[in-house]
Amino acid sequence: MVEPLVVLIVACEIGFWVVLGAGLLARYVLRMRRLGAVLLACTPLVDVVLLVATVFDLRSGGEASSVHGLAAIYLGVSVAFGHSLMRWADQRVAHRFAGGPPPVKPPKHGLAKVRHEWREWGKFAVAWAIACSVMLLLMYVVGTPERTQALWGQMGSITLVGVIWLLGWPVYHTVTELVKGRRAEEVAEKGE
C-alpha cells in the first residue's frame, strides 16, 4: 500500500505544474495578465500544503520515515529552484504564444559557464539548507530520537548529492577554465 504522504508529494508536484500552467495560460493565451500573476503567485501554496500535512502526520503519532525526509527535500528544492523553473517556463510560453524573444540558453563554456554552474549549485545549497532545517524541525516536533532516525539518513543522502554536484560541475568547470587560461598564458609566453 502506498503511504498517503507519498501520494500527497506526487499531488503537490502535479499541483505545482497545474497552477504554473494555468498562470501561464491565463497570462499569454487568454491575455488575462492579472489573473496569470495571481495564479503564479499561488504556486508556493502547494509547498505550504505539503509542509502542514507532513507536520500533521508526525504530530498525530507517526514515525518519521524517508517519506517525511523526501517531503522536506521536495520543499527545499521547490523553494530554491521554483523561481528559476517558473522563469524557464515563462520564457518558453512567452516565446511560443506572445512573440517573446527566444529562451535564454545556459552558457556552454568559458567563465560564463563557471558562473552558471556555481549559481546553480548555490541554489542546491539553499535547497539543502531548507530541507535539513525542515527535517530538524520535524525531529523537534516528534521529540523522540528513536522515531526520527530515517531523517538523519535523508540528510546524509542529500549532503552526498551536494558534494557530488559540487565536485562534478562547479569545481570541475572552474578547474577546466583555470587550466585553459594557464595554457593560453604559456602559449602567449612562447610566442613572444
N, C-alpha and C. Protein backbone atom coordinates (compact mmCIF):
# COMPACT_ATOMS: atom_id res chain seq x y z
N MET A 1 0.84 -1.19 0.00
CA MET A 1 0.00 0.00 0.00
C MET A 1 0.88 1.25 0.00
N VAL A 2 0.50 2.23 -0.76
CA VAL A 2 1.25 3.48 -0.87
C VAL A 2 0.90 4.38 0.31
N GLU A 3 1.93 4.96 0.88
CA GLU A 3 1.70 5.87 2.01
C GLU A 3 0.97 7.13 1.53
N PRO A 4 0.04 7.66 2.31
CA PRO A 4 -0.69 8.85 1.91
C PRO A 4 0.24 10.05 1.65
N LEU A 5 1.33 10.14 2.40
CA LEU A 5 2.25 11.27 2.21
C LEU A 5 2.94 11.19 0.85
N VAL A 6 3.21 9.99 0.36
CA VAL A 6 3.79 9.83 -0.97
C VAL A 6 2.81 10.34 -2.01
N VAL A 7 1.55 9.97 -1.85
CA VAL A 7 0.50 10.44 -2.77
C VAL A 7 0.42 11.96 -2.73
N LEU A 8 0.53 12.53 -1.53
CA LEU A 8 0.47 13.99 -1.40
C LEU A 8 1.67 14.66 -2.08
N ILE A 9 2.86 14.08 -1.95
CA ILE A 9 4.04 14.64 -2.61
C ILE A 9 3.83 14.65 -4.12
N VAL A 10 3.35 13.55 -4.66
CA VAL A 10 3.08 13.47 -6.10
C VAL A 10 2.00 14.48 -6.48
N ALA A 11 0.95 14.56 -5.67
CA ALA A 11 -0.13 15.51 -5.95
C ALA A 11 0.38 16.95 -5.90
N CYS A 12 1.28 17.25 -4.98
CA CYS A 12 1.84 18.60 -4.90
C CYS A 12 2.68 18.91 -6.13
N GLU A 13 3.46 17.94 -6.60
CA GLU A 13 4.24 18.16 -7.82
C GLU A 13 3.32 18.41 -9.00
N ILE A 14 2.29 17.60 -9.13
CA ILE A 14 1.32 17.81 -10.21
C ILE A 14 0.62 19.15 -10.02
N GLY A 15 0.25 19.45 -8.77
CA GLY A 15 -0.42 20.72 -8.49
C GLY A 15 0.44 21.92 -8.86
N PHE A 16 1.76 21.83 -8.58
CA PHE A 16 2.67 22.91 -8.95
C PHE A 16 2.60 23.17 -10.45
N TRP A 17 2.70 22.10 -11.24
CA TRP A 17 2.68 22.26 -12.70
C TRP A 17 1.32 22.73 -13.21
N VAL A 18 0.25 22.28 -12.58
CA VAL A 18 -1.09 22.71 -12.99
C VAL A 18 -1.27 24.20 -12.72
N VAL A 19 -0.89 24.64 -11.52
CA VAL A 19 -1.02 26.07 -11.19
C VAL A 19 -0.11 26.91 -12.07
N LEU A 20 1.12 26.44 -12.28
CA LEU A 20 2.05 27.16 -13.17
C LEU A 20 1.48 27.23 -14.59
N GLY A 21 1.00 26.10 -15.09
CA GLY A 21 0.42 26.08 -16.44
C GLY A 21 -0.79 26.98 -16.56
N ALA A 22 -1.65 26.95 -15.55
CA ALA A 22 -2.84 27.81 -15.57
C ALA A 22 -2.45 29.28 -15.55
N GLY A 23 -1.43 29.61 -14.75
CA GLY A 23 -0.98 31.00 -14.70
C GLY A 23 -0.41 31.46 -16.03
N LEU A 24 0.39 30.62 -16.66
CA LEU A 24 0.97 30.98 -17.96
C LEU A 24 -0.10 31.02 -19.05
N LEU A 25 -1.04 30.09 -18.99
CA LEU A 25 -2.16 30.09 -19.95
C LEU A 25 -2.96 31.38 -19.83
N ALA A 26 -3.29 31.75 -18.59
CA ALA A 26 -4.05 32.98 -18.39
C ALA A 26 -3.26 34.20 -18.86
N ARG A 27 -1.96 34.21 -18.58
CA ARG A 27 -1.13 35.36 -18.92
C ARG A 27 -0.94 35.54 -20.42
N TYR A 28 -0.61 34.46 -21.12
CA TYR A 28 -0.21 34.60 -22.52
C TYR A 28 -1.27 34.20 -23.54
N VAL A 29 -2.05 33.18 -23.26
CA VAL A 29 -3.04 32.73 -24.24
C VAL A 29 -4.34 33.50 -24.08
N LEU A 30 -4.82 33.61 -22.85
CA LEU A 30 -6.08 34.31 -22.60
C LEU A 30 -5.90 35.82 -22.43
N ARG A 31 -4.65 36.27 -22.33
CA ARG A 31 -4.31 37.70 -22.17
C ARG A 31 -4.92 38.30 -20.89
N MET A 32 -5.00 37.50 -19.86
CA MET A 32 -5.51 37.96 -18.56
C MET A 32 -4.32 38.03 -17.61
N ARG A 33 -3.54 39.10 -17.76
CA ARG A 33 -2.26 39.22 -17.05
C ARG A 33 -2.43 39.23 -15.54
N ARG A 34 -3.44 39.90 -15.04
CA ARG A 34 -3.64 39.97 -13.59
C ARG A 34 -3.97 38.59 -13.01
N LEU A 35 -4.87 37.86 -13.66
CA LEU A 35 -5.21 36.51 -13.22
C LEU A 35 -3.98 35.61 -13.29
N GLY A 36 -3.21 35.75 -14.36
CA GLY A 36 -1.98 34.97 -14.50
C GLY A 36 -1.02 35.24 -13.37
N ALA A 37 -0.87 36.51 -13.01
CA ALA A 37 0.03 36.87 -11.91
C ALA A 37 -0.44 36.29 -10.59
N VAL A 38 -1.76 36.32 -10.36
CA VAL A 38 -2.31 35.76 -9.12
C VAL A 38 -2.06 34.26 -9.07
N LEU A 39 -2.31 33.57 -10.17
CA LEU A 39 -2.09 32.13 -10.19
C LEU A 39 -0.62 31.79 -9.98
N LEU A 40 0.27 32.51 -10.62
CA LEU A 40 1.70 32.26 -10.45
C LEU A 40 2.13 32.53 -9.01
N ALA A 41 1.53 33.53 -8.41
CA ALA A 41 1.86 33.83 -7.01
C ALA A 41 1.35 32.75 -6.06
N CYS A 42 0.39 31.95 -6.51
CA CYS A 42 -0.17 30.89 -5.66
C CYS A 42 0.66 29.61 -5.67
N THR A 43 1.67 29.51 -6.53
CA THR A 43 2.44 28.26 -6.59
C THR A 43 3.08 27.90 -5.25
N PRO A 44 3.55 28.85 -4.42
CA PRO A 44 4.12 28.44 -3.13
C PRO A 44 3.10 27.83 -2.17
N LEU A 45 1.81 28.05 -2.41
CA LEU A 45 0.79 27.45 -1.53
C LEU A 45 0.86 25.93 -1.57
N VAL A 46 1.29 25.39 -2.70
CA VAL A 46 1.44 23.94 -2.81
C VAL A 46 2.45 23.45 -1.77
N ASP A 47 3.55 24.20 -1.60
CA ASP A 47 4.56 23.83 -0.62
C ASP A 47 4.03 23.93 0.80
N VAL A 48 3.21 24.93 1.05
CA VAL A 48 2.64 25.10 2.39
C VAL A 48 1.74 23.92 2.73
N VAL A 49 0.94 23.48 1.76
CA VAL A 49 0.06 22.33 1.98
C VAL A 49 0.89 21.11 2.36
N LEU A 50 1.98 20.87 1.64
CA LEU A 50 2.82 19.71 1.92
C LEU A 50 3.47 19.81 3.30
N LEU A 51 3.96 20.98 3.65
CA LEU A 51 4.59 21.16 4.96
C LEU A 51 3.60 20.92 6.09
N VAL A 52 2.41 21.51 5.97
CA VAL A 52 1.39 21.34 7.01
C VAL A 52 1.00 19.86 7.13
N ALA A 53 0.82 19.19 6.00
CA ALA A 53 0.44 17.77 6.04
C ALA A 53 1.54 16.92 6.66
N THR A 54 2.80 17.24 6.38
CA THR A 54 3.91 16.48 6.94
C THR A 54 3.97 16.65 8.45
N VAL A 55 3.85 17.88 8.92
CA VAL A 55 3.87 18.14 10.37
C VAL A 55 2.67 17.47 11.03
N PHE A 56 1.51 17.58 10.40
CA PHE A 56 0.31 16.96 10.96
C PHE A 56 0.48 15.44 11.08
N ASP A 57 1.05 14.83 10.04
CA ASP A 57 1.26 13.39 10.05
C ASP A 57 2.15 12.97 11.21
N LEU A 58 3.20 13.73 11.46
CA LEU A 58 4.11 13.39 12.55
C LEU A 58 3.51 13.72 13.93
N ARG A 59 2.78 14.80 14.00
CA ARG A 59 2.18 15.19 15.28
C ARG A 59 1.11 14.19 15.72
N SER A 60 0.53 13.50 14.76
CA SER A 60 -0.52 12.54 15.11
C SER A 60 0.05 11.17 15.47
N GLY A 61 1.36 11.14 15.76
CA GLY A 61 1.97 9.92 16.28
C GLY A 61 2.73 9.10 15.27
N GLY A 62 2.80 9.56 14.04
CA GLY A 62 3.53 8.80 13.03
C GLY A 62 5.03 8.82 13.28
N GLU A 63 5.68 7.75 12.83
CA GLU A 63 7.14 7.68 12.94
C GLU A 63 7.74 8.33 11.69
N ALA A 64 8.74 9.16 11.90
CA ALA A 64 9.39 9.82 10.77
C ALA A 64 10.05 8.78 9.88
N SER A 65 9.77 8.85 8.60
CA SER A 65 10.33 7.90 7.65
C SER A 65 11.04 8.66 6.54
N SER A 66 11.58 7.90 5.61
CA SER A 66 12.25 8.54 4.47
C SER A 66 11.26 9.37 3.66
N VAL A 67 9.99 9.04 3.74
CA VAL A 67 8.97 9.82 3.02
C VAL A 67 8.88 11.23 3.60
N HIS A 68 8.98 11.35 4.92
CA HIS A 68 8.97 12.67 5.53
C HIS A 68 10.21 13.46 5.11
N GLY A 69 11.34 12.77 5.04
CA GLY A 69 12.56 13.41 4.54
C GLY A 69 12.40 13.84 3.10
N LEU A 70 11.76 12.99 2.28
CA LEU A 70 11.52 13.33 0.88
C LEU A 70 10.63 14.57 0.79
N ALA A 71 9.65 14.68 1.65
CA ALA A 71 8.78 15.86 1.66
C ALA A 71 9.61 17.11 1.98
N ALA A 72 10.52 17.00 2.93
CA ALA A 72 11.38 18.14 3.27
C ALA A 72 12.30 18.50 2.11
N ILE A 73 12.84 17.49 1.44
CA ILE A 73 13.71 17.74 0.29
C ILE A 73 12.91 18.38 -0.84
N TYR A 74 11.72 17.87 -1.10
CA TYR A 74 10.85 18.46 -2.12
C TYR A 74 10.60 19.93 -1.81
N LEU A 75 10.30 20.23 -0.56
CA LEU A 75 10.06 21.61 -0.16
C LEU A 75 11.28 22.48 -0.42
N GLY A 76 12.47 22.01 -0.01
CA GLY A 76 13.69 22.78 -0.23
C GLY A 76 13.98 23.02 -1.69
N VAL A 77 13.85 21.97 -2.50
CA VAL A 77 14.10 22.10 -3.94
C VAL A 77 13.08 23.03 -4.57
N SER A 78 11.84 22.91 -4.17
CA SER A 78 10.78 23.76 -4.73
C SER A 78 11.04 25.23 -4.42
N VAL A 79 11.43 25.52 -3.20
CA VAL A 79 11.70 26.92 -2.83
C VAL A 79 12.95 27.44 -3.55
N ALA A 80 14.02 26.65 -3.57
CA ALA A 80 15.28 27.12 -4.14
C ALA A 80 15.25 27.20 -5.67
N PHE A 81 14.61 26.25 -6.32
CA PHE A 81 14.62 26.21 -7.78
C PHE A 81 13.30 26.68 -8.39
N GLY A 82 12.28 26.89 -7.58
CA GLY A 82 10.96 27.23 -8.09
C GLY A 82 10.94 28.47 -8.96
N HIS A 83 11.60 29.53 -8.51
CA HIS A 83 11.58 30.79 -9.27
C HIS A 83 12.25 30.62 -10.63
N SER A 84 13.41 29.98 -10.66
CA SER A 84 14.10 29.80 -11.94
C SER A 84 13.33 28.84 -12.84
N LEU A 85 12.64 27.87 -12.26
CA LEU A 85 11.81 26.97 -13.06
C LEU A 85 10.64 27.73 -13.66
N MET A 86 10.05 28.59 -12.88
CA MET A 86 8.95 29.42 -13.39
C MET A 86 9.44 30.35 -14.49
N ARG A 87 10.63 30.93 -14.32
CA ARG A 87 11.20 31.81 -15.34
C ARG A 87 11.48 31.01 -16.63
N TRP A 88 12.00 29.79 -16.47
CA TRP A 88 12.27 28.91 -17.61
C TRP A 88 10.98 28.67 -18.41
N ALA A 89 9.91 28.29 -17.70
CA ALA A 89 8.63 28.03 -18.36
C ALA A 89 8.05 29.30 -18.96
N ASP A 90 8.16 30.41 -18.24
CA ASP A 90 7.63 31.69 -18.71
C ASP A 90 8.29 32.11 -20.02
N GLN A 91 9.61 31.97 -20.12
CA GLN A 91 10.32 32.34 -21.35
C GLN A 91 9.82 31.51 -22.53
N ARG A 92 9.62 30.24 -22.33
CA ARG A 92 9.20 29.38 -23.41
C ARG A 92 7.76 29.66 -23.85
N VAL A 93 6.87 29.86 -22.90
CA VAL A 93 5.48 30.15 -23.25
C VAL A 93 5.38 31.54 -23.88
N ALA A 94 6.12 32.51 -23.35
CA ALA A 94 6.10 33.86 -23.93
C ALA A 94 6.61 33.83 -25.37
N HIS A 95 7.64 33.06 -25.62
CA HIS A 95 8.19 32.95 -26.98
C HIS A 95 7.19 32.27 -27.92
N ARG A 96 6.55 31.23 -27.43
CA ARG A 96 5.65 30.43 -28.27
C ARG A 96 4.32 31.14 -28.53
N PHE A 97 3.75 31.79 -27.52
CA PHE A 97 2.40 32.32 -27.64
C PHE A 97 2.31 33.84 -27.68
N ALA A 98 3.36 34.55 -27.29
CA ALA A 98 3.24 36.01 -27.22
C ALA A 98 4.33 36.72 -28.00
N GLY A 99 5.04 36.03 -28.86
CA GLY A 99 6.07 36.68 -29.68
C GLY A 99 7.26 37.17 -28.88
N GLY A 100 7.49 36.59 -27.74
CA GLY A 100 8.63 36.98 -26.92
C GLY A 100 9.94 36.50 -27.53
N PRO A 101 11.04 36.99 -26.99
CA PRO A 101 12.34 36.57 -27.52
C PRO A 101 12.59 35.08 -27.26
N PRO A 102 13.51 34.48 -28.02
CA PRO A 102 13.82 33.07 -27.77
C PRO A 102 14.34 32.88 -26.34
N PRO A 103 14.06 31.72 -25.76
CA PRO A 103 14.52 31.46 -24.39
C PRO A 103 16.04 31.55 -24.29
N VAL A 104 16.49 32.01 -23.14
CA VAL A 104 17.92 32.11 -22.87
C VAL A 104 18.46 30.72 -22.58
N LYS A 105 19.53 30.36 -23.28
CA LYS A 105 20.15 29.05 -23.05
C LYS A 105 21.34 29.22 -22.12
N PRO A 106 21.60 28.20 -21.29
CA PRO A 106 22.76 28.30 -20.40
C PRO A 106 24.05 28.30 -21.21
N PRO A 107 25.08 29.00 -20.73
CA PRO A 107 26.35 29.05 -21.45
C PRO A 107 26.99 27.67 -21.53
N LYS A 108 27.74 27.44 -22.61
CA LYS A 108 28.35 26.12 -22.81
C LYS A 108 29.80 26.07 -22.35
N HIS A 109 30.48 27.22 -22.28
CA HIS A 109 31.89 27.20 -21.88
C HIS A 109 32.31 28.59 -21.42
N GLY A 110 33.54 28.68 -20.96
CA GLY A 110 34.09 29.95 -20.52
C GLY A 110 33.70 30.31 -19.09
N LEU A 111 34.05 31.53 -18.73
CA LEU A 111 33.73 31.99 -17.38
C LEU A 111 32.23 32.08 -17.13
N ALA A 112 31.47 32.34 -18.19
CA ALA A 112 30.02 32.37 -18.04
C ALA A 112 29.50 31.00 -17.61
N LYS A 113 30.07 29.93 -18.15
CA LYS A 113 29.69 28.56 -17.76
C LYS A 113 30.05 28.31 -16.29
N VAL A 114 31.23 28.77 -15.88
CA VAL A 114 31.65 28.60 -14.49
C VAL A 114 30.68 29.33 -13.55
N ARG A 115 30.35 30.58 -13.87
CA ARG A 115 29.41 31.33 -13.04
C ARG A 115 28.05 30.64 -12.98
N HIS A 116 27.60 30.15 -14.14
CA HIS A 116 26.32 29.45 -14.20
C HIS A 116 26.32 28.23 -13.28
N GLU A 117 27.38 27.42 -13.35
CA GLU A 117 27.45 26.21 -12.54
C GLU A 117 27.48 26.53 -11.04
N TRP A 118 28.23 27.56 -10.66
CA TRP A 118 28.28 27.96 -9.25
C TRP A 118 26.92 28.50 -8.80
N ARG A 119 26.24 29.24 -9.67
CA ARG A 119 24.92 29.78 -9.30
C ARG A 119 23.92 28.63 -9.10
N GLU A 120 23.94 27.64 -10.01
CA GLU A 120 23.03 26.50 -9.88
C GLU A 120 23.34 25.69 -8.62
N TRP A 121 24.63 25.50 -8.34
CA TRP A 121 24.98 24.77 -7.12
C TRP A 121 24.59 25.59 -5.89
N GLY A 122 24.68 26.91 -5.98
CA GLY A 122 24.24 27.77 -4.87
C GLY A 122 22.76 27.56 -4.58
N LYS A 123 21.97 27.37 -5.63
CA LYS A 123 20.55 27.08 -5.43
C LYS A 123 20.40 25.75 -4.70
N PHE A 124 21.23 24.77 -5.08
CA PHE A 124 21.19 23.49 -4.38
C PHE A 124 21.53 23.70 -2.90
N ALA A 125 22.54 24.53 -2.62
CA ALA A 125 22.93 24.76 -1.22
C ALA A 125 21.76 25.36 -0.43
N VAL A 126 21.00 26.24 -1.07
CA VAL A 126 19.81 26.80 -0.42
C VAL A 126 18.78 25.70 -0.19
N ALA A 127 18.57 24.85 -1.21
CA ALA A 127 17.63 23.74 -1.07
C ALA A 127 18.06 22.80 0.05
N TRP A 128 19.37 22.53 0.12
CA TRP A 128 19.91 21.66 1.18
C TRP A 128 19.64 22.27 2.55
N ALA A 129 19.90 23.56 2.69
CA ALA A 129 19.70 24.23 3.98
C ALA A 129 18.24 24.20 4.40
N ILE A 130 17.34 24.44 3.45
CA ILE A 130 15.92 24.42 3.77
C ILE A 130 15.48 23.00 4.13
N ALA A 131 15.88 22.03 3.32
CA ALA A 131 15.48 20.64 3.58
C ALA A 131 15.98 20.16 4.93
N CYS A 132 17.25 20.43 5.22
CA CYS A 132 17.80 19.98 6.51
C CYS A 132 17.16 20.72 7.67
N SER A 133 16.86 22.00 7.49
CA SER A 133 16.18 22.76 8.55
C SER A 133 14.79 22.19 8.82
N VAL A 134 14.07 21.86 7.73
CA VAL A 134 12.73 21.27 7.90
C VAL A 134 12.84 19.92 8.59
N MET A 135 13.83 19.12 8.19
CA MET A 135 13.99 17.81 8.85
C MET A 135 14.32 17.97 10.34
N LEU A 136 15.16 18.94 10.66
CA LEU A 136 15.45 19.20 12.07
C LEU A 136 14.20 19.67 12.81
N LEU A 137 13.39 20.50 12.14
CA LEU A 137 12.13 20.93 12.73
C LEU A 137 11.21 19.74 12.96
N LEU A 138 11.16 18.83 11.99
CA LEU A 138 10.33 17.64 12.16
C LEU A 138 10.82 16.79 13.32
N MET A 139 12.15 16.68 13.47
CA MET A 139 12.71 15.94 14.61
C MET A 139 12.30 16.57 15.93
N TYR A 140 12.30 17.89 15.95
CA TYR A 140 11.89 18.62 17.16
C TYR A 140 10.41 18.38 17.44
N VAL A 141 9.60 18.42 16.37
CA VAL A 141 8.15 18.22 16.53
C VAL A 141 7.87 16.83 17.10
N VAL A 142 8.56 15.82 16.58
CA VAL A 142 8.35 14.45 17.06
C VAL A 142 8.87 14.32 18.48
N GLY A 143 10.07 14.85 18.73
CA GLY A 143 10.62 14.87 20.07
C GLY A 143 11.22 13.56 20.57
N THR A 144 11.12 12.51 19.80
CA THR A 144 11.67 11.22 20.20
C THR A 144 12.71 10.79 19.18
N PRO A 145 13.99 10.76 19.57
CA PRO A 145 15.04 10.41 18.61
C PRO A 145 14.85 9.07 17.92
N GLU A 146 14.28 8.09 18.61
CA GLU A 146 14.08 6.78 18.01
C GLU A 146 13.10 6.83 16.84
N ARG A 147 12.19 7.80 16.86
CA ARG A 147 11.18 7.90 15.81
C ARG A 147 11.63 8.78 14.64
N THR A 148 12.87 9.28 14.69
CA THR A 148 13.32 10.19 13.63
C THR A 148 14.62 9.75 12.97
N GLN A 149 15.06 8.52 13.21
CA GLN A 149 16.33 8.04 12.65
C GLN A 149 16.39 8.18 11.14
N ALA A 150 15.30 7.92 10.45
CA ALA A 150 15.29 7.96 8.98
C ALA A 150 15.66 9.34 8.45
N LEU A 151 15.32 10.37 9.20
CA LEU A 151 15.61 11.73 8.74
C LEU A 151 17.11 12.00 8.72
N TRP A 152 17.85 11.41 9.66
CA TRP A 152 19.31 11.57 9.64
C TRP A 152 19.88 10.97 8.36
N GLY A 153 19.34 9.83 7.96
CA GLY A 153 19.78 9.19 6.73
C GLY A 153 19.49 10.05 5.51
N GLN A 154 18.32 10.68 5.50
CA GLN A 154 17.96 11.57 4.39
C GLN A 154 18.89 12.77 4.32
N MET A 155 19.26 13.31 5.48
CA MET A 155 20.20 14.44 5.48
C MET A 155 21.55 14.02 4.92
N GLY A 156 21.97 12.81 5.28
CA GLY A 156 23.23 12.29 4.74
C GLY A 156 23.17 12.11 3.23
N SER A 157 22.05 11.62 2.74
CA SER A 157 21.89 11.40 1.30
C SER A 157 21.92 12.70 0.52
N ILE A 158 21.18 13.70 0.98
CA ILE A 158 21.15 14.96 0.25
C ILE A 158 22.51 15.67 0.34
N THR A 159 23.23 15.46 1.43
CA THR A 159 24.58 16.03 1.54
C THR A 159 25.52 15.37 0.54
N LEU A 160 25.41 14.06 0.39
CA LEU A 160 26.23 13.34 -0.59
C LEU A 160 25.93 13.82 -2.01
N VAL A 161 24.68 14.02 -2.33
CA VAL A 161 24.31 14.56 -3.65
C VAL A 161 24.95 15.92 -3.85
N GLY A 162 24.94 16.75 -2.83
CA GLY A 162 25.54 18.08 -2.93
C GLY A 162 27.04 18.04 -3.16
N VAL A 163 27.73 17.13 -2.49
CA VAL A 163 29.18 17.01 -2.66
C VAL A 163 29.50 16.53 -4.08
N ILE A 164 28.75 15.53 -4.56
CA ILE A 164 28.96 15.04 -5.93
C ILE A 164 28.71 16.16 -6.94
N TRP A 165 27.63 16.90 -6.75
CA TRP A 165 27.31 18.01 -7.65
C TRP A 165 28.42 19.06 -7.60
N LEU A 166 28.86 19.40 -6.42
CA LEU A 166 29.92 20.40 -6.25
C LEU A 166 31.18 20.01 -7.02
N LEU A 167 31.62 18.78 -6.83
CA LEU A 167 32.86 18.33 -7.47
C LEU A 167 32.69 18.11 -8.97
N GLY A 168 31.54 17.57 -9.37
CA GLY A 168 31.32 17.21 -10.76
C GLY A 168 31.00 18.36 -11.68
N TRP A 169 30.54 19.48 -11.14
CA TRP A 169 30.15 20.59 -12.02
C TRP A 169 30.89 21.89 -11.68
N PRO A 170 30.57 22.59 -10.60
CA PRO A 170 31.25 23.88 -10.39
C PRO A 170 32.77 23.74 -10.26
N VAL A 171 33.24 22.80 -9.44
CA VAL A 171 34.69 22.66 -9.25
C VAL A 171 35.34 22.19 -10.55
N TYR A 172 34.73 21.20 -11.21
CA TYR A 172 35.28 20.69 -12.46
C TYR A 172 35.41 21.80 -13.50
N HIS A 173 34.36 22.58 -13.71
CA HIS A 173 34.40 23.64 -14.73
C HIS A 173 35.35 24.77 -14.33
N THR A 174 35.45 25.04 -13.04
CA THR A 174 36.39 26.06 -12.59
C THR A 174 37.82 25.62 -12.89
N VAL A 175 38.15 24.39 -12.54
CA VAL A 175 39.50 23.87 -12.79
C VAL A 175 39.77 23.82 -14.29
N THR A 176 38.81 23.38 -15.07
CA THR A 176 38.98 23.32 -16.52
C THR A 176 39.30 24.70 -17.09
N GLU A 177 38.58 25.72 -16.66
CA GLU A 177 38.84 27.07 -17.17
C GLU A 177 40.20 27.60 -16.70
N LEU A 178 40.59 27.26 -15.47
CA LEU A 178 41.91 27.69 -14.98
C LEU A 178 43.02 27.05 -15.81
N VAL A 179 42.85 25.76 -16.12
CA VAL A 179 43.85 25.07 -16.95
C VAL A 179 43.90 25.68 -18.34
N LYS A 180 42.76 25.96 -18.93
CA LYS A 180 42.72 26.60 -20.25
C LYS A 180 43.42 27.96 -20.21
N GLY A 181 43.16 28.72 -19.16
CA GLY A 181 43.79 30.03 -19.01
C GLY A 181 45.30 29.91 -18.87
N ARG A 182 45.74 28.94 -18.10
CA ARG A 182 47.17 28.70 -17.91
C ARG A 182 47.83 28.32 -19.23
N ARG A 183 47.19 27.45 -19.99
CA ARG A 183 47.73 27.04 -21.29
C ARG A 183 47.81 28.22 -22.24
N ALA A 184 46.79 29.05 -22.23
CA ALA A 184 46.80 30.23 -23.11
C ALA A 184 47.94 31.16 -22.74
N GLU A 185 48.21 31.31 -21.44
CA GLU A 185 49.34 32.14 -21.00
C GLU A 185 50.66 31.55 -21.45
N GLU A 186 50.80 30.22 -21.35
CA GLU A 186 52.04 29.56 -21.78
C GLU A 186 52.26 29.72 -23.28
N VAL A 187 51.20 29.58 -24.05
CA VAL A 187 51.30 29.76 -25.50
C VAL A 187 51.70 31.20 -25.83
N ALA A 188 51.10 32.14 -25.10
CA ALA A 188 51.42 33.56 -25.34
C ALA A 188 52.88 33.86 -24.99
N GLU A 189 53.37 33.27 -23.89
CA GLU A 189 54.76 33.48 -23.49
C GLU A 189 55.72 32.89 -24.49
N LYS A 190 55.41 31.72 -25.04
CA LYS A 190 56.27 31.08 -26.03
C LYS A 190 56.27 31.87 -27.34
N GLY A 191 55.19 32.53 -27.64
CA GLY A 191 55.09 33.29 -28.88
C GLY A 191 55.86 34.61 -28.83
N GLU A 192 56.21 35.07 -27.64
CA GLU A 192 56.91 36.37 -27.53
C GLU A 192 58.35 36.28 -27.92
